Amino acid sequence: MNGADILVESLIRHGVDTIFAYPGGPACLCTSRLPKLRTACAPFCPGTSRAVVHGQGYARTTGKVGVCMATSGPGATNFVTVLADAKLDSIPMIAITGQVGTKFIGTDAFQETPIVEVCRPVTKHHYLIQRTEDITRVMKEAFHIASTGRPGPVMWTSPRTCRPRARSSRTGIRR
């Protein structure tokens, strides 16, 4: 199982039934897995701004954690305004973005944005996942943080080099 599969399976194990996504670039590995899951609805939005707005609207209307996904760079920065609003209004959300490969972080590579630093003041918590082995643990933490205490948005970003690696079946998915 690769990192993208682990991410999507972890979302399902946390009861996510709808993921609002905009495919593209570093997020393609993950968004390509969404339609294969029969237990989740993954409407592909016509833009990153709509994905995050729909995710927030879903959280507001259902009381569940809203989940949205976009690519790196401008796709990720399009999430910022809605995440700020979600923080102020205590809306539980998980915003997942792709990121350039690990060796390109901090080099001003094409589509690289320091999204964790950009979102630090407008999220309840934020993660830059650099190891496939951390995906399951971080997803568990992210859902807990987003939905407990004063609810709020959690930013989760992962370099494309984190997602393709296979993980041994021995370690599996744990919630």
N, C-alpha and C. Protein backbone atom coordinates (compact mmCIF):
# COMPACT_ATOMS: atom_id res chain seq x y z
N MET A 1 0.85 -1.17 0.00
CA MET A 1 0.00 0.00 0.00
C MET A 1 0.89 1.24 0.00
N ASN A 2 0.63 2.17 -0.91
CA ASN A 2 1.46 3.37 -0.95
C ASN A 2 0.83 4.47 -0.08
N GLY A 3 1.55 5.59 0.03
CA GLY A 3 1.11 6.68 0.89
C GLY A 3 -0.25 7.24 0.53
N ALA A 4 -0.55 7.34 -0.76
CA ALA A 4 -1.86 7.85 -1.18
C ALA A 4 -2.97 6.93 -0.72
N ASP A 5 -2.75 5.62 -0.86
CA ASP A 5 -3.75 4.65 -0.40
C ASP A 5 -3.91 4.71 1.12
N ILE A 6 -2.81 4.87 1.83
CA ILE A 6 -2.86 4.97 3.29
C ILE A 6 -3.66 6.20 3.70
N LEU A 7 -3.42 7.31 3.04
CA LEU A 7 -4.15 8.55 3.34
C LEU A 7 -5.65 8.36 3.13
N VAL A 8 -6.03 7.85 1.98
CA VAL A 8 -7.45 7.71 1.66
C VAL A 8 -8.11 6.68 2.59
N GLU A 9 -7.45 5.58 2.85
CA GLU A 9 -8.00 4.58 3.78
C GLU A 9 -8.14 5.17 5.18
N SER A 10 -7.19 5.98 5.59
CA SER A 10 -7.26 6.62 6.90
C SER A 10 -8.46 7.56 6.98
N LEU A 11 -8.72 8.30 5.92
CA LEU A 11 -9.89 9.18 5.89
C LEU A 11 -11.17 8.37 6.05
N ILE A 12 -11.26 7.27 5.35
CA ILE A 12 -12.44 6.42 5.44
C ILE A 12 -12.59 5.86 6.85
N ARG A 13 -11.48 5.45 7.44
CA ARG A 13 -11.53 4.89 8.81
C ARG A 13 -11.94 5.94 9.84
N HIS A 14 -11.78 7.20 9.51
CA HIS A 14 -12.22 8.27 10.41
C HIS A 14 -13.65 8.72 10.10
N GLY A 15 -14.34 7.95 9.28
CA GLY A 15 -15.74 8.22 9.01
C GLY A 15 -16.00 9.26 7.95
N VAL A 16 -15.00 9.63 7.18
CA VAL A 16 -15.18 10.62 6.13
C VAL A 16 -16.02 9.99 5.02
N ASP A 17 -17.15 10.62 4.70
CA ASP A 17 -17.98 10.11 3.62
C ASP A 17 -17.99 11.03 2.41
N THR A 18 -17.40 12.20 2.56
CA THR A 18 -17.32 13.16 1.45
C THR A 18 -16.01 13.92 1.54
N ILE A 19 -15.31 13.97 0.42
CA ILE A 19 -14.04 14.70 0.32
C ILE A 19 -14.16 15.63 -0.89
N PHE A 20 -14.00 16.91 -0.67
CA PHE A 20 -14.07 17.86 -1.77
C PHE A 20 -12.66 18.10 -2.30
N ALA A 21 -12.44 17.81 -3.56
CA ALA A 21 -11.08 17.82 -4.08
C ALA A 21 -10.98 18.53 -5.42
N TYR A 22 -9.80 19.07 -5.65
CA TYR A 22 -9.43 19.62 -6.95
C TYR A 22 -8.12 18.92 -7.34
N PRO A 23 -8.16 18.09 -8.38
CA PRO A 23 -6.97 17.34 -8.75
C PRO A 23 -5.95 18.21 -9.46
N GLY A 24 -4.71 17.79 -9.37
CA GLY A 24 -3.66 18.50 -10.09
C GLY A 24 -2.31 18.34 -9.42
N GLY A 25 -1.25 18.32 -10.23
CA GLY A 25 0.12 18.30 -9.74
C GLY A 25 0.38 17.29 -8.65
N PRO A 26 1.02 17.73 -7.56
CA PRO A 26 1.39 16.82 -6.49
C PRO A 26 0.22 16.13 -5.79
N ALA A 27 -0.99 16.61 -5.96
CA ALA A 27 -2.14 15.96 -5.32
C ALA A 27 -2.73 14.83 -6.16
N CYS A 28 -2.26 14.67 -7.41
CA CYS A 28 -2.85 13.68 -8.31
C CYS A 28 -2.79 12.26 -7.76
N LEU A 29 -1.70 11.90 -7.10
CA LEU A 29 -1.61 10.54 -6.57
C LEU A 29 -2.75 10.25 -5.60
N CYS A 30 -3.11 11.24 -4.81
CA CYS A 30 -4.18 11.05 -3.84
C CYS A 30 -5.56 11.15 -4.49
N THR A 31 -5.78 12.17 -5.30
CA THR A 31 -7.10 12.35 -5.89
C THR A 31 -7.44 11.21 -6.85
N SER A 32 -6.45 10.59 -7.45
CA SER A 32 -6.73 9.48 -8.35
C SER A 32 -7.25 8.26 -7.60
N ARG A 33 -7.00 8.17 -6.29
CA ARG A 33 -7.48 7.05 -5.47
C ARG A 33 -8.92 7.24 -4.98
N LEU A 34 -9.39 8.47 -4.91
CA LEU A 34 -10.69 8.74 -4.31
C LEU A 34 -11.86 8.03 -5.00
N PRO A 35 -11.97 8.05 -6.33
CA PRO A 35 -13.13 7.39 -6.96
C PRO A 35 -13.16 5.87 -6.77
N LYS A 36 -12.04 5.27 -6.45
CA LYS A 36 -12.00 3.81 -6.27
C LYS A 36 -12.66 3.36 -4.98
N LEU A 37 -12.85 4.26 -4.05
CA LEU A 37 -13.46 3.91 -2.77
C LEU A 37 -14.96 4.03 -2.86
N ARG A 38 -15.63 2.98 -2.59
CA ARG A 38 -17.09 2.96 -2.73
C ARG A 38 -17.81 3.58 -1.53
N THR A 39 -17.10 3.75 -0.44
CA THR A 39 -17.75 4.27 0.77
C THR A 39 -17.68 5.78 0.89
N ALA A 40 -16.99 6.45 -0.02
CA ALA A 40 -16.87 7.90 0.09
C ALA A 40 -17.27 8.58 -1.21
N CYS A 41 -17.90 9.71 -1.08
CA CYS A 41 -18.23 10.53 -2.23
C CYS A 41 -17.10 11.55 -2.40
N ALA A 42 -16.55 11.62 -3.58
CA ALA A 42 -15.43 12.54 -3.81
C ALA A 42 -15.73 13.43 -5.01
N PRO A 43 -16.58 14.44 -4.81
CA PRO A 43 -16.88 15.32 -5.93
C PRO A 43 -15.65 16.18 -6.28
N PHE A 44 -15.25 16.12 -7.53
CA PHE A 44 -14.14 16.97 -7.96
C PHE A 44 -14.70 18.34 -8.27
N CYS A 45 -14.19 19.33 -7.59
CA CYS A 45 -14.68 20.70 -7.71
C CYS A 45 -14.02 21.39 -8.89
N PRO A 46 -14.69 22.37 -9.48
CA PRO A 46 -14.12 23.08 -10.63
C PRO A 46 -13.03 24.09 -10.26
N GLY A 47 -12.62 24.13 -9.03
CA GLY A 47 -11.54 25.02 -8.61
C GLY A 47 -11.19 24.78 -7.15
N THR A 48 -9.96 25.13 -6.78
CA THR A 48 -9.53 24.91 -5.40
C THR A 48 -10.34 25.74 -4.41
N SER A 49 -10.70 26.94 -4.81
CA SER A 49 -11.50 27.78 -3.91
C SER A 49 -12.84 27.14 -3.60
N ARG A 50 -13.43 26.50 -4.58
CA ARG A 50 -14.70 25.82 -4.35
C ARG A 50 -14.53 24.60 -3.46
N ALA A 51 -13.43 23.89 -3.60
CA ALA A 51 -13.20 22.70 -2.77
C ALA A 51 -13.20 23.07 -1.30
N VAL A 52 -12.49 24.11 -0.94
CA VAL A 52 -12.40 24.50 0.48
C VAL A 52 -13.71 25.11 0.97
N VAL A 53 -14.41 25.86 0.12
CA VAL A 53 -15.71 26.41 0.52
C VAL A 53 -16.71 25.29 0.74
N HIS A 54 -16.72 24.31 -0.15
CA HIS A 54 -17.62 23.16 0.01
C HIS A 54 -17.28 22.37 1.26
N GLY A 55 -15.98 22.21 1.52
CA GLY A 55 -15.57 21.50 2.73
C GLY A 55 -16.06 22.21 3.99
N GLN A 56 -15.93 23.53 4.00
CA GLN A 56 -16.41 24.29 5.15
C GLN A 56 -17.94 24.23 5.25
N GLY A 57 -18.61 24.36 4.14
CA GLY A 57 -20.08 24.28 4.14
C GLY A 57 -20.57 22.92 4.62
N TYR A 58 -19.88 21.88 4.21
CA TYR A 58 -20.22 20.53 4.65
C TYR A 58 -20.08 20.42 6.17
N ALA A 59 -18.99 20.94 6.72
CA ALA A 59 -18.78 20.90 8.17
C ALA A 59 -19.85 21.70 8.90
N ARG A 60 -20.20 22.86 8.37
CA ARG A 60 -21.21 23.71 9.00
C ARG A 60 -22.58 23.03 9.03
N THR A 61 -22.94 22.35 7.94
CA THR A 61 -24.28 21.79 7.85
C THR A 61 -24.42 20.41 8.48
N THR A 62 -23.34 19.65 8.54
CA THR A 62 -23.43 18.28 9.08
C THR A 62 -22.90 18.16 10.50
N GLY A 63 -22.03 19.08 10.92
CA GLY A 63 -21.39 18.97 12.21
C GLY A 63 -20.19 18.03 12.20
N LYS A 64 -19.91 17.43 11.05
CA LYS A 64 -18.75 16.55 10.89
C LYS A 64 -17.54 17.37 10.48
N VAL A 65 -16.37 16.75 10.54
CA VAL A 65 -15.15 17.41 10.05
C VAL A 65 -15.23 17.48 8.53
N GLY A 66 -15.11 18.67 7.98
CA GLY A 66 -15.10 18.84 6.53
C GLY A 66 -13.70 18.59 6.00
N VAL A 67 -13.60 17.88 4.89
CA VAL A 67 -12.29 17.53 4.32
C VAL A 67 -12.22 18.04 2.89
N CYS A 68 -11.13 18.75 2.59
CA CYS A 68 -10.92 19.25 1.24
C CYS A 68 -9.47 18.98 0.84
N MET A 69 -9.24 18.90 -0.46
CA MET A 69 -7.91 18.54 -0.96
C MET A 69 -7.60 19.36 -2.22
N ALA A 70 -6.34 19.79 -2.31
CA ALA A 70 -5.89 20.54 -3.49
C ALA A 70 -4.41 20.30 -3.72
N THR A 71 -3.95 20.80 -4.81
CA THR A 71 -2.54 20.67 -5.16
C THR A 71 -1.70 21.72 -4.44
N SER A 72 -0.44 21.75 -4.75
CA SER A 72 0.50 22.68 -4.11
C SER A 72 0.41 24.07 -4.72
N GLY A 73 1.27 24.96 -4.22
CA GLY A 73 1.39 26.30 -4.78
C GLY A 73 0.12 27.10 -4.69
N PRO A 74 -0.33 27.69 -5.82
CA PRO A 74 -1.53 28.52 -5.80
C PRO A 74 -2.78 27.74 -5.37
N GLY A 75 -2.81 26.44 -5.65
CA GLY A 75 -3.94 25.63 -5.21
C GLY A 75 -4.05 25.63 -3.70
N ALA A 76 -2.93 25.48 -3.04
CA ALA A 76 -2.92 25.47 -1.58
C ALA A 76 -3.21 26.86 -1.02
N THR A 77 -2.65 27.89 -1.61
CA THR A 77 -2.88 29.23 -1.07
C THR A 77 -4.32 29.69 -1.24
N ASN A 78 -5.04 29.11 -2.19
CA ASN A 78 -6.46 29.44 -2.35
C ASN A 78 -7.29 29.00 -1.14
N PHE A 79 -6.74 28.16 -0.29
CA PHE A 79 -7.43 27.68 0.90
C PHE A 79 -7.37 28.69 2.06
N VAL A 80 -6.42 29.61 2.03
CA VAL A 80 -6.10 30.43 3.20
C VAL A 80 -7.28 31.23 3.75
N THR A 81 -7.99 31.95 2.92
CA THR A 81 -9.09 32.80 3.40
C THR A 81 -10.17 31.98 4.09
N VAL A 82 -10.55 30.87 3.50
CA VAL A 82 -11.61 30.04 4.09
C VAL A 82 -11.11 29.38 5.37
N LEU A 83 -9.84 29.00 5.43
CA LEU A 83 -9.30 28.43 6.67
C LEU A 83 -9.31 29.47 7.79
N ALA A 84 -9.00 30.70 7.46
CA ALA A 84 -9.06 31.77 8.46
C ALA A 84 -10.48 31.94 8.98
N ASP A 85 -11.44 31.92 8.08
CA ASP A 85 -12.84 32.02 8.47
C ASP A 85 -13.25 30.83 9.34
N ALA A 86 -12.80 29.63 8.98
CA ALA A 86 -13.12 28.43 9.76
C ALA A 86 -12.52 28.51 11.16
N LYS A 87 -11.33 29.07 11.26
CA LYS A 87 -10.72 29.21 12.58
C LYS A 87 -11.53 30.18 13.44
N LEU A 88 -11.89 31.32 12.87
CA LEU A 88 -12.65 32.32 13.62
C LEU A 88 -14.03 31.81 14.02
N ASP A 89 -14.65 31.00 13.16
CA ASP A 89 -15.99 30.49 13.42
C ASP A 89 -15.99 29.10 14.07
N SER A 90 -14.82 28.58 14.41
CA SER A 90 -14.69 27.26 15.05
C SER A 90 -15.31 26.14 14.23
N ILE A 91 -14.94 26.07 12.98
CA ILE A 91 -15.44 25.04 12.06
C ILE A 91 -14.37 23.95 11.94
N PRO A 92 -14.70 22.68 12.25
CA PRO A 92 -13.71 21.61 12.14
C PRO A 92 -13.47 21.21 10.69
N MET A 93 -12.24 21.35 10.25
CA MET A 93 -11.88 21.02 8.87
C MET A 93 -10.51 20.39 8.83
N ILE A 94 -10.28 19.56 7.81
CA ILE A 94 -8.96 19.05 7.47
C ILE A 94 -8.71 19.51 6.03
N ALA A 95 -7.68 20.31 5.83
CA ALA A 95 -7.30 20.77 4.50
C ALA A 95 -6.03 20.04 4.10
N ILE A 96 -6.13 19.24 3.06
CA ILE A 96 -4.99 18.43 2.60
C ILE A 96 -4.46 19.02 1.31
N THR A 97 -3.17 19.27 1.28
CA THR A 97 -2.56 19.78 0.05
C THR A 97 -1.34 18.95 -0.32
N GLY A 98 -1.07 18.93 -1.60
CA GLY A 98 0.16 18.31 -2.07
C GLY A 98 1.30 19.29 -1.89
N GLN A 99 2.50 18.81 -2.09
CA GLN A 99 3.69 19.67 -1.98
C GLN A 99 4.74 19.10 -2.93
N VAL A 100 5.69 19.90 -3.31
CA VAL A 100 6.78 19.44 -4.18
C VAL A 100 7.57 18.36 -3.44
N GLY A 101 8.42 17.66 -4.16
CA GLY A 101 9.25 16.63 -3.55
C GLY A 101 10.11 17.18 -2.43
N THR A 102 10.44 16.32 -1.48
CA THR A 102 11.19 16.71 -0.29
C THR A 102 12.46 17.48 -0.61
N LYS A 103 13.20 17.02 -1.61
CA LYS A 103 14.48 17.69 -1.92
C LYS A 103 14.29 19.07 -2.52
N PHE A 104 13.06 19.39 -2.94
CA PHE A 104 12.81 20.71 -3.53
C PHE A 104 12.20 21.72 -2.55
N ILE A 105 11.81 21.26 -1.37
CA ILE A 105 11.22 22.18 -0.39
C ILE A 105 12.26 23.22 0.02
N GLY A 106 11.88 24.48 -0.05
CA GLY A 106 12.78 25.57 0.32
C GLY A 106 13.65 26.07 -0.82
N THR A 107 13.41 25.58 -2.04
CA THR A 107 14.26 25.98 -3.18
C THR A 107 13.53 26.90 -4.16
N ASP A 108 12.31 27.29 -3.84
CA ASP A 108 11.47 28.06 -4.76
C ASP A 108 11.22 27.30 -6.06
N ALA A 109 11.06 26.00 -5.94
CA ALA A 109 10.76 25.16 -7.09
C ALA A 109 9.38 25.51 -7.65
N PHE A 110 9.12 25.08 -8.87
CA PHE A 110 7.83 25.32 -9.51
C PHE A 110 6.71 24.77 -8.63
N GLN A 111 5.71 25.58 -8.35
CA GLN A 111 4.54 25.24 -7.54
C GLN A 111 4.86 25.03 -6.06
N GLU A 112 6.04 25.44 -5.60
CA GLU A 112 6.35 25.30 -4.18
C GLU A 112 5.95 26.57 -3.44
N THR A 113 5.18 26.39 -2.40
CA THR A 113 4.79 27.47 -1.51
C THR A 113 4.98 26.97 -0.09
N PRO A 114 5.52 27.77 0.79
CA PRO A 114 5.66 27.33 2.19
C PRO A 114 4.30 27.37 2.89
N ILE A 115 3.42 26.47 2.49
CA ILE A 115 2.02 26.54 2.92
C ILE A 115 1.85 26.37 4.42
N VAL A 116 2.70 25.59 5.06
CA VAL A 116 2.59 25.45 6.52
C VAL A 116 2.82 26.80 7.19
N GLU A 117 3.84 27.53 6.74
CA GLU A 117 4.12 28.85 7.32
C GLU A 117 3.03 29.85 6.97
N VAL A 118 2.50 29.77 5.77
CA VAL A 118 1.44 30.67 5.35
C VAL A 118 0.19 30.44 6.20
N CYS A 119 -0.11 29.18 6.49
CA CYS A 119 -1.34 28.85 7.22
C CYS A 119 -1.20 28.81 8.73
N ARG A 120 0.01 28.95 9.23
CA ARG A 120 0.23 28.87 10.68
C ARG A 120 -0.72 29.77 11.47
N PRO A 121 -0.90 31.06 11.11
CA PRO A 121 -1.77 31.90 11.93
C PRO A 121 -3.27 31.67 11.71
N VAL A 122 -3.66 30.93 10.67
CA VAL A 122 -5.08 30.78 10.37
C VAL A 122 -5.59 29.36 10.56
N THR A 123 -4.78 28.50 11.17
CA THR A 123 -5.21 27.13 11.44
C THR A 123 -5.00 26.81 12.91
N LYS A 124 -5.75 25.83 13.37
CA LYS A 124 -5.60 25.37 14.74
C LYS A 124 -4.31 24.57 14.88
N HIS A 125 -3.95 23.83 13.85
CA HIS A 125 -2.69 23.08 13.82
C HIS A 125 -2.34 22.82 12.35
N HIS A 126 -1.11 22.44 12.10
CA HIS A 126 -0.63 22.24 10.74
C HIS A 126 0.46 21.17 10.75
N TYR A 127 0.55 20.44 9.64
CA TYR A 127 1.54 19.37 9.52
C TYR A 127 2.21 19.42 8.16
N LEU A 128 3.49 19.13 8.15
CA LEU A 128 4.21 18.84 6.91
C LEU A 128 4.69 17.40 7.07
N ILE A 129 4.05 16.49 6.37
CA ILE A 129 4.36 15.07 6.48
C ILE A 129 5.52 14.77 5.55
N GLN A 130 6.59 14.21 6.08
CA GLN A 130 7.75 13.90 5.24
C GLN A 130 8.06 12.41 5.17
N ARG A 131 7.32 11.61 5.96
CA ARG A 131 7.54 10.16 5.93
C ARG A 131 6.20 9.45 5.80
N THR A 132 6.14 8.50 4.89
CA THR A 132 4.92 7.73 4.68
C THR A 132 4.46 7.09 5.99
N GLU A 133 5.40 6.66 6.80
CA GLU A 133 5.08 5.98 8.05
C GLU A 133 4.29 6.86 9.02
N ASP A 134 4.31 8.16 8.83
CA ASP A 134 3.64 9.08 9.76
C ASP A 134 2.19 9.39 9.38
N ILE A 135 1.77 8.98 8.20
CA ILE A 135 0.45 9.39 7.70
C ILE A 135 -0.68 8.96 8.63
N THR A 136 -0.71 7.71 9.02
CA THR A 136 -1.81 7.22 9.86
C THR A 136 -1.86 7.95 11.20
N ARG A 137 -0.71 8.09 11.84
CA ARG A 137 -0.66 8.78 13.14
C ARG A 137 -1.10 10.23 13.02
N VAL A 138 -0.61 10.91 12.00
CA VAL A 138 -0.94 12.33 11.84
C VAL A 138 -2.42 12.52 11.51
N MET A 139 -2.99 11.63 10.72
CA MET A 139 -4.42 11.76 10.43
C MET A 139 -5.24 11.61 11.70
N LYS A 140 -4.87 10.67 12.55
CA LYS A 140 -5.57 10.48 13.82
C LYS A 140 -5.48 11.75 14.67
N GLU A 141 -4.27 12.31 14.77
CA GLU A 141 -4.07 13.55 15.52
C GLU A 141 -4.87 14.70 14.91
N ALA A 142 -4.83 14.81 13.59
CA ALA A 142 -5.50 15.92 12.91
C ALA A 142 -7.01 15.90 13.17
N PHE A 143 -7.63 14.75 13.08
CA PHE A 143 -9.06 14.67 13.35
C PHE A 143 -9.37 15.00 14.81
N HIS A 144 -8.53 14.55 15.71
CA HIS A 144 -8.73 14.84 17.13
C HIS A 144 -8.63 16.35 17.38
N ILE A 145 -7.59 16.96 16.83
CA ILE A 145 -7.37 18.40 17.04
C ILE A 145 -8.49 19.22 16.40
N ALA A 146 -8.90 18.85 15.19
CA ALA A 146 -9.94 19.62 14.49
C ALA A 146 -11.27 19.58 15.21
N SER A 147 -11.57 18.46 15.87
CA SER A 147 -12.92 18.27 16.40
C SER A 147 -13.06 18.38 17.92
N THR A 148 -11.97 18.54 18.65
CA THR A 148 -12.08 18.61 20.11
C THR A 148 -11.74 20.01 20.62
N GLY A 149 -12.13 20.27 21.88
CA GLY A 149 -11.91 21.60 22.42
C GLY A 149 -12.68 22.60 21.56
N ARG A 150 -12.06 23.71 21.26
CA ARG A 150 -12.67 24.63 20.30
C ARG A 150 -12.33 24.10 18.92
N PRO A 151 -13.33 23.65 18.15
CA PRO A 151 -13.05 23.10 16.81
C PRO A 151 -12.36 24.12 15.92
N GLY A 152 -11.67 23.62 14.91
CA GLY A 152 -11.00 24.51 13.97
C GLY A 152 -10.31 23.74 12.86
N PRO A 153 -9.76 24.46 11.90
CA PRO A 153 -9.14 23.82 10.75
C PRO A 153 -7.72 23.32 11.03
N VAL A 154 -7.39 22.22 10.40
CA VAL A 154 -6.04 21.65 10.47
C VAL A 154 -5.53 21.53 9.04
N MET A 155 -4.33 22.07 8.81
CA MET A 155 -3.68 21.99 7.49
C MET A 155 -2.75 20.79 7.48
N TRP A 156 -2.82 20.01 6.43
CA TRP A 156 -2.04 18.79 6.29
C TRP A 156 -1.43 18.81 4.90
N THR A 157 -0.11 18.87 4.79
CA THR A 157 0.52 18.87 3.47
C THR A 157 1.58 17.79 3.41
N SER A 158 1.75 17.24 2.23
CA SER A 158 2.67 16.12 2.06
C SER A 158 3.41 16.24 0.74
N PRO A 159 4.74 16.13 0.78
CA PRO A 159 5.50 16.16 -0.47
C PRO A 159 5.16 14.96 -1.34
N ARG A 160 5.25 15.14 -2.63
CA ARG A 160 4.93 14.04 -3.53
C ARG A 160 5.86 12.86 -3.32
N THR A 161 7.05 13.06 -2.78
CA THR A 161 7.96 11.94 -2.54
C THR A 161 7.53 11.11 -1.34
N CYS A 162 6.62 11.62 -0.52
CA CYS A 162 6.14 10.86 0.65
C CYS A 162 5.08 9.86 0.23
N ARG A 163 4.27 10.18 -0.74
CA ARG A 163 3.11 9.36 -1.05
C ARG A 163 3.36 8.11 -1.88
N PRO A 164 4.29 8.08 -2.83
CA PRO A 164 4.37 6.90 -3.68
C PRO A 164 4.94 5.65 -3.01
N ARG A 165 5.73 5.79 -1.96
CA ARG A 165 6.38 4.63 -1.36
C ARG A 165 5.40 3.62 -0.80
N ALA A 166 5.73 2.38 -0.98
CA ALA A 166 4.90 1.32 -0.41
C ALA A 166 5.21 1.16 1.06
N ARG A 167 4.25 0.67 1.80
CA ARG A 167 4.42 0.43 3.22
C ARG A 167 4.11 -1.05 3.46
N SER A 168 4.86 -1.69 4.28
CA SER A 168 4.68 -3.13 4.48
C SER A 168 3.31 -3.41 5.09
N SER A 169 2.71 -4.53 4.68
CA SER A 169 1.40 -4.89 5.20
C SER A 169 1.48 -5.21 6.69
N ARG A 170 2.66 -5.51 7.18
CA ARG A 170 2.85 -5.82 8.58
C ARG A 170 2.49 -4.63 9.48
N THR A 171 2.77 -3.40 9.02
CA THR A 171 2.47 -2.23 9.85
C THR A 171 1.03 -1.78 9.68
N GLY A 172 0.45 -2.03 8.50
CA GLY A 172 -0.96 -1.78 8.26
C GLY A 172 -1.48 -0.41 8.63
N ILE A 173 -2.79 -0.30 8.60
CA ILE A 173 -3.48 0.94 8.96
C ILE A 173 -4.02 0.76 10.37
N ARG A 174 -3.75 1.71 11.20
CA ARG A 174 -4.28 1.68 12.56
C ARG A 174 -5.01 2.98 12.83
N ARG A 175 -6.06 2.86 13.54
CA ARG A 175 -6.76 4.08 13.96
C ARG A 175 -6.56 4.29 15.43
